[in-house]
């Protein structure tokens, strides 16, 4: 008897492909941060930049898991549960980095960078456990959760880009010119 996952194949191919592409775009965002010379520490990147890649990769990982030809939903549930547990631990670490960073996050940042990812990882654990009782409803919960990871990642990547643009353009023109002059001097030597 085929598992109920076969009806979800196209959904997870689309979502997984999107997550993979968006992961690559996040690397472009991090390159923009470096080129714009936005002052950020490794703690801020650990709290705000790297987690966005993790959210996209979580959506990619769950999409891949949902397309594996499992022998039983129990195996899938164990993998999803372990992934959710690892995500909860990771989310706790990013919350700690955000709390310790020089940047003072506002309420929107706390929601999008801390609360929603933690909630999404917890929901993944709940969906994994529910696979044993009601697999059909749980499959919808996993699908919604994967979309939540994508939306969190998209929001946070956009937030990073807009921060870079505002931060870079708010620097005085003299400071930007000095920075360009220093780059040119380094290139000449």
N, C-alpha and C. Protein backbone atom coordinates (compact mmCIF):
# COMPACT_ATOMS: atom_id res chain seq x y z
N UNK A 1 0.85 -1.19 0.00
CA UNK A 1 0.00 0.00 0.00
C UNK A 1 0.89 1.25 0.00
N UNK A 2 0.71 2.17 -0.96
CA UNK A 2 1.56 3.36 -1.00
C UNK A 2 1.26 4.30 0.16
N UNK A 3 2.28 4.97 0.63
CA UNK A 3 2.11 5.95 1.70
C UNK A 3 1.43 7.20 1.15
N UNK A 4 0.77 7.98 2.00
CA UNK A 4 0.07 9.18 1.52
C UNK A 4 1.00 10.30 1.04
N UNK A 5 2.30 10.07 1.06
CA UNK A 5 3.26 11.09 0.64
C UNK A 5 3.27 11.29 -0.87
N UNK A 6 2.85 10.30 -1.63
CA UNK A 6 2.94 10.40 -3.09
C UNK A 6 2.14 11.57 -3.64
N UNK A 7 1.06 11.94 -2.98
CA UNK A 7 0.25 13.08 -3.43
C UNK A 7 0.94 14.42 -3.21
N UNK A 8 2.02 14.43 -2.44
CA UNK A 8 2.71 15.66 -2.07
C UNK A 8 3.99 15.88 -2.87
N UNK A 9 4.34 14.99 -3.76
CA UNK A 9 5.62 15.06 -4.46
C UNK A 9 5.83 16.40 -5.17
N UNK A 10 4.87 16.84 -5.97
CA UNK A 10 5.04 18.10 -6.71
C UNK A 10 5.20 19.29 -5.77
N UNK A 11 4.43 19.32 -4.70
CA UNK A 11 4.53 20.41 -3.73
C UNK A 11 5.95 20.52 -3.20
N UNK A 12 6.52 19.39 -2.79
CA UNK A 12 7.85 19.43 -2.18
C UNK A 12 8.96 19.63 -3.21
N UNK A 13 8.74 19.24 -4.45
CA UNK A 13 9.73 19.54 -5.49
C UNK A 13 9.78 21.06 -5.70
N UNK A 14 8.61 21.69 -5.75
CA UNK A 14 8.55 23.15 -5.94
C UNK A 14 9.15 23.88 -4.75
N UNK A 15 8.73 23.49 -3.55
CA UNK A 15 9.21 24.17 -2.34
C UNK A 15 10.70 23.93 -2.15
N UNK A 16 11.15 22.71 -2.36
CA UNK A 16 12.57 22.40 -2.20
C UNK A 16 13.43 23.16 -3.20
N UNK A 17 12.97 23.24 -4.44
CA UNK A 17 13.71 24.01 -5.45
C UNK A 17 13.78 25.48 -5.08
N UNK A 18 12.67 26.00 -4.60
CA UNK A 18 12.64 27.41 -4.17
C UNK A 18 13.61 27.64 -3.02
N UNK A 19 13.61 26.73 -2.06
CA UNK A 19 14.50 26.87 -0.91
C UNK A 19 15.96 26.83 -1.34
N UNK A 20 16.28 25.95 -2.27
CA UNK A 20 17.66 25.88 -2.77
C UNK A 20 18.09 27.16 -3.46
N UNK A 21 17.21 27.68 -4.31
CA UNK A 21 17.53 28.93 -5.02
C UNK A 21 17.66 30.10 -4.06
N UNK A 22 16.77 30.17 -3.08
CA UNK A 22 16.81 31.27 -2.12
C UNK A 22 18.03 31.18 -1.21
N UNK A 23 18.50 29.97 -0.96
CA UNK A 23 19.73 29.81 -0.18
C UNK A 23 20.89 30.46 -0.93
N UNK A 24 20.96 30.24 -2.23
CA UNK A 24 22.00 30.88 -3.04
C UNK A 24 21.89 32.39 -3.03
N UNK A 25 20.67 32.90 -3.08
CA UNK A 25 20.48 34.35 -3.03
C UNK A 25 20.92 34.94 -1.69
N UNK A 26 20.77 34.18 -0.61
CA UNK A 26 21.22 34.68 0.69
C UNK A 26 22.73 34.86 0.71
N UNK A 27 23.45 34.02 -0.03
CA UNK A 27 24.90 34.21 -0.13
C UNK A 27 25.21 35.53 -0.84
N UNK A 28 24.37 35.90 -1.81
CA UNK A 28 24.52 37.18 -2.48
C UNK A 28 24.31 38.32 -1.48
N UNK A 29 23.30 38.17 -0.61
CA UNK A 29 23.03 39.17 0.42
C UNK A 29 24.25 39.34 1.33
N UNK A 30 24.84 38.24 1.75
CA UNK A 30 26.02 38.32 2.62
C UNK A 30 27.20 38.97 1.89
N UNK A 31 27.31 38.74 0.59
CA UNK A 31 28.34 39.41 -0.20
C UNK A 31 28.08 40.91 -0.26
N UNK A 32 26.81 41.29 -0.40
CA UNK A 32 26.46 42.72 -0.38
C UNK A 32 26.84 43.37 0.94
N UNK A 33 26.63 42.64 2.02
CA UNK A 33 27.00 43.16 3.34
C UNK A 33 28.50 43.47 3.36
N UNK A 34 29.29 42.53 2.86
CA UNK A 34 30.74 42.72 2.87
C UNK A 34 31.14 43.88 1.96
N UNK A 35 30.54 43.98 0.78
CA UNK A 35 30.89 45.04 -0.16
C UNK A 35 30.42 46.41 0.30
N UNK A 36 29.30 46.47 0.99
CA UNK A 36 28.78 47.76 1.46
C UNK A 36 29.51 48.23 2.71
N UNK A 37 30.34 47.37 3.26
CA UNK A 37 31.09 47.68 4.47
C UNK A 37 30.17 48.10 5.61
N UNK A 38 29.04 47.40 5.69
CA UNK A 38 28.15 47.62 6.82
C UNK A 38 28.85 47.03 8.02
N UNK A 39 28.94 47.81 9.07
CA UNK A 39 29.65 47.32 10.24
C UNK A 39 28.79 46.27 10.94
N UNK A 40 29.29 45.04 10.93
CA UNK A 40 28.59 43.97 11.63
C UNK A 40 29.64 42.99 12.15
N UNK A 41 29.36 42.46 13.30
CA UNK A 41 30.28 41.51 13.91
C UNK A 41 29.84 40.09 13.56
N UNK A 42 30.68 39.14 13.88
CA UNK A 42 30.32 37.74 13.67
C UNK A 42 29.10 37.38 14.51
N UNK A 43 28.95 37.99 15.67
CA UNK A 43 27.78 37.70 16.51
C UNK A 43 26.50 38.14 15.80
N UNK A 44 26.54 39.30 15.14
CA UNK A 44 25.36 39.78 14.41
C UNK A 44 25.07 38.90 13.20
N UNK A 45 26.11 38.47 12.50
CA UNK A 45 25.91 37.56 11.37
C UNK A 45 25.35 36.24 11.88
N UNK A 46 25.84 35.76 13.03
CA UNK A 46 25.32 34.52 13.61
C UNK A 46 23.88 34.66 14.06
N UNK A 47 23.48 35.85 14.44
CA UNK A 47 22.11 36.07 14.91
C UNK A 47 21.14 36.39 13.80
N UNK A 48 21.61 37.03 12.72
CA UNK A 48 20.68 37.53 11.72
C UNK A 48 20.95 37.02 10.30
N UNK A 49 22.18 36.76 9.93
CA UNK A 49 22.48 36.35 8.56
C UNK A 49 22.46 34.84 8.38
N UNK A 50 23.23 34.14 9.17
CA UNK A 50 23.33 32.69 9.05
C UNK A 50 21.99 31.99 9.29
N UNK A 51 21.18 32.41 10.27
CA UNK A 51 19.90 31.73 10.47
C UNK A 51 18.99 31.75 9.24
N UNK A 52 19.09 32.79 8.44
CA UNK A 52 18.27 32.84 7.23
C UNK A 52 18.65 31.70 6.29
N UNK A 53 19.93 31.44 6.15
CA UNK A 53 20.38 30.29 5.35
C UNK A 53 19.86 29.00 5.98
N UNK A 54 19.89 28.91 7.30
CA UNK A 54 19.40 27.71 7.99
C UNK A 54 17.91 27.52 7.73
N UNK A 55 17.12 28.61 7.73
CA UNK A 55 15.67 28.48 7.47
C UNK A 55 15.42 27.94 6.06
N UNK A 56 16.15 28.47 5.08
CA UNK A 56 16.00 27.97 3.72
C UNK A 56 16.45 26.51 3.63
N UNK A 57 17.55 26.20 4.29
CA UNK A 57 18.05 24.81 4.26
C UNK A 57 17.12 23.86 5.00
N UNK A 58 16.44 24.34 6.03
CA UNK A 58 15.45 23.51 6.72
C UNK A 58 14.29 23.19 5.78
N UNK A 59 13.82 24.19 5.05
CA UNK A 59 12.75 23.94 4.07
C UNK A 59 13.23 22.96 3.01
N UNK A 60 14.47 23.09 2.58
CA UNK A 60 15.04 22.17 1.60
C UNK A 60 15.15 20.77 2.18
N UNK A 61 15.64 20.65 3.41
CA UNK A 61 15.81 19.34 4.04
C UNK A 61 14.46 18.65 4.24
N UNK A 62 13.47 19.38 4.75
CA UNK A 62 12.16 18.77 4.97
C UNK A 62 11.55 18.36 3.62
N UNK A 63 11.72 19.19 2.60
CA UNK A 63 11.21 18.83 1.27
C UNK A 63 11.87 17.55 0.77
N UNK A 64 13.17 17.44 0.99
CA UNK A 64 13.86 16.22 0.57
C UNK A 64 13.36 15.01 1.36
N UNK A 65 13.19 15.18 2.67
CA UNK A 65 12.70 14.07 3.50
C UNK A 65 11.29 13.63 3.07
N UNK A 66 10.48 14.60 2.68
CA UNK A 66 9.11 14.27 2.31
C UNK A 66 9.02 13.57 0.95
N UNK A 67 10.09 13.56 0.18
CA UNK A 67 10.07 12.88 -1.12
C UNK A 67 10.83 11.55 -1.10
N UNK A 68 11.41 11.19 0.04
CA UNK A 68 12.10 9.91 0.17
C UNK A 68 11.05 8.79 0.14
N UNK A 69 11.33 7.69 -0.54
CA UNK A 69 10.37 6.57 -0.54
C UNK A 69 10.45 5.75 0.75
N UNK A 70 9.89 6.29 1.82
CA UNK A 70 9.94 5.66 3.13
C UNK A 70 9.15 4.34 3.14
N UNK A 71 9.59 3.41 3.98
CA UNK A 71 8.86 2.16 4.18
C UNK A 71 7.69 2.37 5.14
N UNK A 72 7.86 3.33 6.05
CA UNK A 72 6.78 3.66 7.00
C UNK A 72 6.88 5.12 7.39
N UNK A 73 5.77 5.66 7.85
CA UNK A 73 5.76 7.05 8.30
C UNK A 73 6.52 7.22 9.61
N UNK A 74 6.74 6.14 10.32
CA UNK A 74 7.51 6.22 11.57
C UNK A 74 8.93 6.70 11.30
N UNK A 75 9.54 6.16 10.25
CA UNK A 75 10.89 6.58 9.90
C UNK A 75 10.93 8.08 9.57
N UNK A 76 9.96 8.52 8.79
CA UNK A 76 9.86 9.93 8.45
C UNK A 76 9.66 10.77 9.71
N UNK A 77 8.77 10.32 10.61
CA UNK A 77 8.51 11.05 11.85
C UNK A 77 9.76 11.21 12.70
N UNK A 78 10.57 10.16 12.78
CA UNK A 78 11.81 10.23 13.57
C UNK A 78 12.75 11.28 12.96
N UNK A 79 12.91 11.25 11.65
CA UNK A 79 13.80 12.22 11.00
C UNK A 79 13.29 13.65 11.16
N UNK A 80 11.99 13.87 10.97
CA UNK A 80 11.44 15.21 11.14
C UNK A 80 11.57 15.68 12.58
N UNK A 81 11.31 14.78 13.52
CA UNK A 81 11.41 15.13 14.94
C UNK A 81 12.83 15.50 15.33
N UNK A 82 13.81 14.73 14.85
CA UNK A 82 15.21 15.04 15.16
C UNK A 82 15.62 16.37 14.51
N UNK A 83 15.15 16.61 13.29
CA UNK A 83 15.43 17.89 12.64
C UNK A 83 14.82 19.06 13.40
N UNK A 84 13.59 18.86 13.88
CA UNK A 84 12.93 19.90 14.68
C UNK A 84 13.66 20.15 15.99
N UNK A 85 14.10 19.09 16.63
CA UNK A 85 14.84 19.22 17.89
C UNK A 85 16.16 19.96 17.68
N UNK A 86 16.87 19.61 16.61
CA UNK A 86 18.12 20.32 16.30
C UNK A 86 17.83 21.79 16.03
N UNK A 87 16.71 22.08 15.37
CA UNK A 87 16.32 23.45 15.08
C UNK A 87 16.00 24.25 16.33
N UNK A 88 15.37 23.60 17.32
CA UNK A 88 15.07 24.28 18.58
C UNK A 88 16.37 24.67 19.28
N UNK A 89 17.32 23.75 19.31
CA UNK A 89 18.62 24.03 19.93
C UNK A 89 19.31 25.17 19.17
N UNK A 90 19.29 25.12 17.85
CA UNK A 90 19.90 26.17 17.04
C UNK A 90 19.21 27.51 17.29
N UNK A 91 17.89 27.51 17.34
CA UNK A 91 17.13 28.75 17.59
C UNK A 91 17.51 29.36 18.94
N UNK A 92 17.69 28.52 19.94
CA UNK A 92 18.10 29.03 21.25
C UNK A 92 19.46 29.73 21.14
N UNK A 93 20.36 29.16 20.35
CA UNK A 93 21.66 29.80 20.14
C UNK A 93 21.56 31.13 19.42
N UNK A 94 20.69 31.22 18.41
CA UNK A 94 20.55 32.49 17.70
C UNK A 94 19.90 33.55 18.57
N UNK A 95 19.00 33.13 19.44
CA UNK A 95 18.40 34.09 20.38
C UNK A 95 19.49 34.64 21.30
N UNK A 96 20.36 33.79 21.76
CA UNK A 96 21.47 34.22 22.62
C UNK A 96 22.38 35.19 21.86
N UNK A 97 22.72 34.86 20.60
CA UNK A 97 23.57 35.77 19.80
C UNK A 97 22.88 37.11 19.59
N UNK A 98 21.58 37.10 19.31
CA UNK A 98 20.84 38.35 19.09
C UNK A 98 20.84 39.20 20.36
N UNK A 99 20.69 38.53 21.49
CA UNK A 99 20.67 39.25 22.77
C UNK A 99 22.03 39.88 23.08
N UNK A 100 23.11 39.23 22.66
CA UNK A 100 24.46 39.70 22.96
C UNK A 100 25.04 40.62 21.88
N UNK A 101 24.35 40.77 20.74
CA UNK A 101 24.93 41.55 19.64
C UNK A 101 24.90 43.04 19.96
N UNK A 102 25.72 43.78 19.24
CA UNK A 102 25.76 45.23 19.42
C UNK A 102 24.49 45.88 18.88
N UNK A 103 23.85 45.22 17.90
CA UNK A 103 22.60 45.72 17.33
C UNK A 103 21.48 45.45 18.33
N UNK A 104 20.65 46.44 18.57
CA UNK A 104 19.54 46.29 19.50
C UNK A 104 18.27 45.96 18.72
N UNK A 105 17.87 44.67 18.65
CA UNK A 105 16.70 44.29 17.84
C UNK A 105 15.41 44.92 18.38
N UNK A 106 14.55 45.34 17.45
CA UNK A 106 13.24 45.83 17.85
C UNK A 106 12.26 44.64 17.91
N UNK A 107 11.00 44.91 18.22
CA UNK A 107 10.03 43.83 18.41
C UNK A 107 9.85 43.02 17.13
N UNK A 108 9.85 43.70 15.97
CA UNK A 108 9.70 42.98 14.70
C UNK A 108 10.87 42.02 14.50
N UNK A 109 12.08 42.45 14.82
CA UNK A 109 13.25 41.57 14.70
C UNK A 109 13.13 40.36 15.62
N UNK A 110 12.70 40.58 16.85
CA UNK A 110 12.54 39.47 17.78
C UNK A 110 11.51 38.47 17.26
N UNK A 111 10.45 38.97 16.66
CA UNK A 111 9.42 38.07 16.13
C UNK A 111 9.97 37.26 14.96
N UNK A 112 10.53 37.94 13.95
CA UNK A 112 10.93 37.27 12.73
C UNK A 112 12.23 36.48 12.85
N UNK A 113 13.16 36.95 13.68
CA UNK A 113 14.45 36.26 13.79
C UNK A 113 14.52 35.27 14.95
N UNK A 114 13.60 35.39 15.92
CA UNK A 114 13.67 34.52 17.09
C UNK A 114 12.40 33.71 17.32
N UNK A 115 11.28 34.39 17.52
CA UNK A 115 10.04 33.71 17.91
C UNK A 115 9.49 32.80 16.81
N UNK A 116 9.35 33.32 15.60
CA UNK A 116 8.78 32.50 14.52
C UNK A 116 9.65 31.29 14.16
N UNK A 117 10.98 31.45 14.06
CA UNK A 117 11.78 30.24 13.80
C UNK A 117 11.66 29.20 14.91
N UNK A 118 11.68 29.65 16.16
CA UNK A 118 11.52 28.71 17.26
C UNK A 118 10.17 28.01 17.17
N UNK A 119 9.12 28.77 16.91
CA UNK A 119 7.78 28.20 16.75
C UNK A 119 7.74 27.21 15.58
N UNK A 120 8.39 27.53 14.48
CA UNK A 120 8.39 26.64 13.32
C UNK A 120 9.11 25.32 13.63
N UNK A 121 10.21 25.38 14.37
CA UNK A 121 10.92 24.15 14.73
C UNK A 121 10.09 23.32 15.71
N UNK A 122 9.43 23.98 16.65
CA UNK A 122 8.56 23.26 17.58
C UNK A 122 7.39 22.62 16.83
N UNK A 123 6.84 23.33 15.85
CA UNK A 123 5.74 22.79 15.04
C UNK A 123 6.19 21.57 14.25
N UNK A 124 7.45 21.56 13.82
CA UNK A 124 7.97 20.40 13.11
C UNK A 124 8.01 19.17 14.03
N UNK A 125 8.39 19.38 15.28
CA UNK A 125 8.39 18.28 16.25
C UNK A 125 6.96 17.78 16.47
N UNK A 126 6.02 18.69 16.64
CA UNK A 126 4.62 18.31 16.87
C UNK A 126 4.08 17.54 15.66
N UNK A 127 4.37 18.04 14.45
CA UNK A 127 3.91 17.35 13.25
C UNK A 127 4.51 15.95 13.14
N UNK A 128 5.77 15.82 13.54
CA UNK A 128 6.42 14.50 13.50
C UNK A 128 5.73 13.53 14.45
N UNK A 129 5.39 14.01 15.63
CA UNK A 129 4.70 13.15 16.61
C UNK A 129 3.30 12.80 16.10
N UNK A 130 2.63 13.77 15.48
CA UNK A 130 1.26 13.54 14.99
C UNK A 130 1.21 12.54 13.83
N UNK A 131 2.34 12.30 13.18
CA UNK A 131 2.35 11.30 12.10
C UNK A 131 1.87 9.94 12.57
N UNK A 132 2.07 9.63 13.84
CA UNK A 132 1.65 8.33 14.37
C UNK A 132 0.14 8.26 14.59
N UNK A 133 -0.51 9.40 14.83
CA UNK A 133 -1.95 9.39 15.14
C UNK A 133 -2.82 9.76 13.96
N UNK A 134 -2.45 10.77 13.23
CA UNK A 134 -3.27 11.23 12.13
C UNK A 134 -2.35 11.72 11.02
N UNK A 135 -1.93 10.79 10.19
CA UNK A 135 -0.92 11.12 9.18
C UNK A 135 -1.42 12.16 8.18
N UNK A 136 -2.68 12.12 7.81
CA UNK A 136 -3.18 13.05 6.81
C UNK A 136 -3.12 14.50 7.31
N UNK A 137 -3.60 14.76 8.52
CA UNK A 137 -3.54 16.12 9.08
C UNK A 137 -2.10 16.56 9.31
N UNK A 138 -1.28 15.62 9.73
CA UNK A 138 0.12 15.94 9.99
C UNK A 138 0.84 16.36 8.71
N UNK A 139 0.48 15.75 7.59
CA UNK A 139 1.12 16.12 6.33
C UNK A 139 0.79 17.56 5.95
N UNK A 140 -0.41 18.00 6.24
CA UNK A 140 -0.76 19.41 6.01
C UNK A 140 0.01 20.33 6.96
N UNK A 141 0.20 19.88 8.18
CA UNK A 141 0.96 20.67 9.15
C UNK A 141 2.41 20.82 8.71
N UNK A 142 3.00 19.73 8.21
CA UNK A 142 4.39 19.81 7.72
C UNK A 142 4.48 20.75 6.53
N UNK A 143 3.51 20.69 5.61
CA UNK A 143 3.51 21.56 4.45
C UNK A 143 3.42 23.03 4.87
N UNK A 144 2.54 23.32 5.81
CA UNK A 144 2.41 24.70 6.30
C UNK A 144 3.71 25.15 6.97
N UNK A 145 4.33 24.26 7.70
CA UNK A 145 5.58 24.58 8.40
C UNK A 145 6.71 24.88 7.41
N UNK A 146 6.79 24.10 6.36
CA UNK A 146 7.83 24.34 5.34
C UNK A 146 7.62 25.71 4.69
N UNK A 147 6.37 26.04 4.41
CA UNK A 147 6.09 27.36 3.85
C UNK A 147 6.44 28.46 4.84
N UNK A 148 6.21 28.21 6.13
CA UNK A 148 6.58 29.20 7.15
C UNK A 148 8.09 29.43 7.14
N UNK A 149 8.87 28.35 7.03
CA UNK A 149 10.34 28.51 6.96
C UNK A 149 10.73 29.34 5.74
N UNK A 150 10.09 29.09 4.60
CA UNK A 150 10.39 29.90 3.40
C UNK A 150 10.03 31.36 3.62
N UNK A 151 8.85 31.62 4.18
CA UNK A 151 8.43 33.00 4.41
C UNK A 151 9.34 33.72 5.40
N UNK A 152 9.74 33.03 6.45
CA UNK A 152 10.69 33.63 7.42
C UNK A 152 11.99 33.99 6.70
N UNK A 153 12.50 33.05 5.91
CA UNK A 153 13.74 33.31 5.20
C UNK A 153 13.63 34.46 4.22
N UNK A 154 12.53 34.51 3.47
CA UNK A 154 12.32 35.59 2.51
C UNK A 154 12.24 36.93 3.24
N UNK A 155 11.45 36.98 4.30
CA UNK A 155 11.33 38.23 5.06
C UNK A 155 12.68 38.68 5.59
N UNK A 156 13.42 37.76 6.19
CA UNK A 156 14.69 38.12 6.82
C UNK A 156 15.75 38.50 5.79
N UNK A 157 15.75 37.85 4.63
CA UNK A 157 16.69 38.24 3.58
C UNK A 157 16.35 39.65 3.08
N UNK A 158 15.07 39.91 2.88
CA UNK A 158 14.65 41.25 2.44
C UNK A 158 15.00 42.29 3.51
N UNK A 159 14.77 41.94 4.75
CA UNK A 159 15.09 42.84 5.85
C UNK A 159 16.59 43.17 5.86
N UNK A 160 17.42 42.17 5.61
CA UNK A 160 18.87 42.38 5.56
C UNK A 160 19.25 43.31 4.42
N UNK A 161 18.66 43.09 3.25
CA UNK A 161 18.98 43.92 2.09
C UNK A 161 18.56 45.36 2.33
N UNK A 162 17.36 45.57 2.85
CA UNK A 162 16.90 46.94 3.09
C UNK A 162 17.75 47.60 4.17
N UNK A 163 18.19 46.85 5.17
CA UNK A 163 19.08 47.39 6.19
C UNK A 163 20.39 47.85 5.56
N UNK A 164 20.94 47.03 4.67
CA UNK A 164 22.20 47.37 4.00
C UNK A 164 22.04 48.65 3.20
N UNK A 165 20.94 48.74 2.44
CA UNK A 165 20.72 49.92 1.60
C UNK A 165 20.58 51.16 2.46
N UNK A 166 19.79 51.09 3.51
CA UNK A 166 19.59 52.25 4.38
C UNK A 166 20.88 52.61 5.11
N UNK A 167 21.56 51.61 5.65
CA UNK A 167 22.82 51.85 6.39
C UNK A 167 23.88 52.42 5.46
N UNK A 168 24.00 51.86 4.27
CA UNK A 168 25.03 52.30 3.32
C UNK A 168 24.74 53.72 2.83
N UNK A 169 23.48 54.02 2.56
CA UNK A 169 23.15 55.35 2.04
C UNK A 169 23.07 56.41 3.12
N UNK A 170 22.98 55.99 4.37
CA UNK A 170 22.94 56.98 5.45
C UNK A 170 24.34 57.42 5.88
N UNK A 171 25.37 56.68 5.42
CA UNK A 171 26.74 57.09 5.73
C UNK A 171 27.03 58.39 5.01
N UNK A 172 27.73 59.28 5.63
CA UNK A 172 28.07 60.54 4.95
C UNK A 172 28.87 60.28 3.68
N UNK A 173 28.65 61.10 2.66
CA UNK A 173 29.32 60.95 1.37
C UNK A 173 30.84 61.02 1.52
N UNK A 174 31.33 61.84 2.44
CA UNK A 174 32.78 61.95 2.65
C UNK A 174 33.34 60.61 3.13
N UNK A 175 32.62 59.97 4.06
CA UNK A 175 33.06 58.68 4.57
C UNK A 175 33.08 57.64 3.45
N UNK A 176 32.06 57.65 2.58
CA UNK A 176 32.02 56.72 1.47
C UNK A 176 33.18 56.99 0.51
N UNK A 177 33.47 58.26 0.23
CA UNK A 177 34.57 58.62 -0.67
C UNK A 177 35.91 58.18 -0.08
N UNK A 178 36.09 58.37 1.23
CA UNK A 178 37.32 57.94 1.88
C UNK A 178 37.48 56.43 1.77
N UNK A 179 36.38 55.72 1.94
CA UNK A 179 36.41 54.27 1.85
C UNK A 179 36.80 53.82 0.45
N UNK A 180 36.26 54.47 -0.58
CA UNK A 180 36.60 54.15 -1.96
C UNK A 180 38.08 54.47 -2.21
N UNK A 181 38.56 55.63 -1.70
CA UNK A 181 39.95 56.01 -1.85
C UNK A 181 40.88 55.00 -1.22
N UNK A 182 40.51 54.48 -0.04
CA UNK A 182 41.33 53.47 0.63
C UNK A 182 41.37 52.19 -0.18
N UNK A 183 40.24 51.83 -0.80
CA UNK A 183 40.20 50.64 -1.64
C UNK A 183 41.12 50.79 -2.85
N UNK A 184 41.10 51.97 -3.44
CA UNK A 184 41.93 52.23 -4.61
C UNK A 184 43.40 52.17 -4.25
N UNK A 185 43.77 52.68 -3.06
CA UNK A 185 45.16 52.65 -2.63
C UNK A 185 45.60 51.20 -2.42
N UNK A 186 44.71 50.37 -1.83
CA UNK A 186 45.04 48.97 -1.63
C UNK A 186 45.22 48.27 -2.96
N UNK A 187 44.38 48.60 -3.94
CA UNK A 187 44.47 47.99 -5.24
C UNK A 187 45.78 48.34 -5.95
N UNK A 188 46.25 49.60 -5.73
CA UNK A 188 47.48 50.04 -6.36
C UNK A 188 48.72 49.38 -5.78
N UNK A 189 48.64 48.98 -4.52
CA UNK A 189 49.84 48.39 -3.90
C UNK A 189 49.94 46.91 -4.09
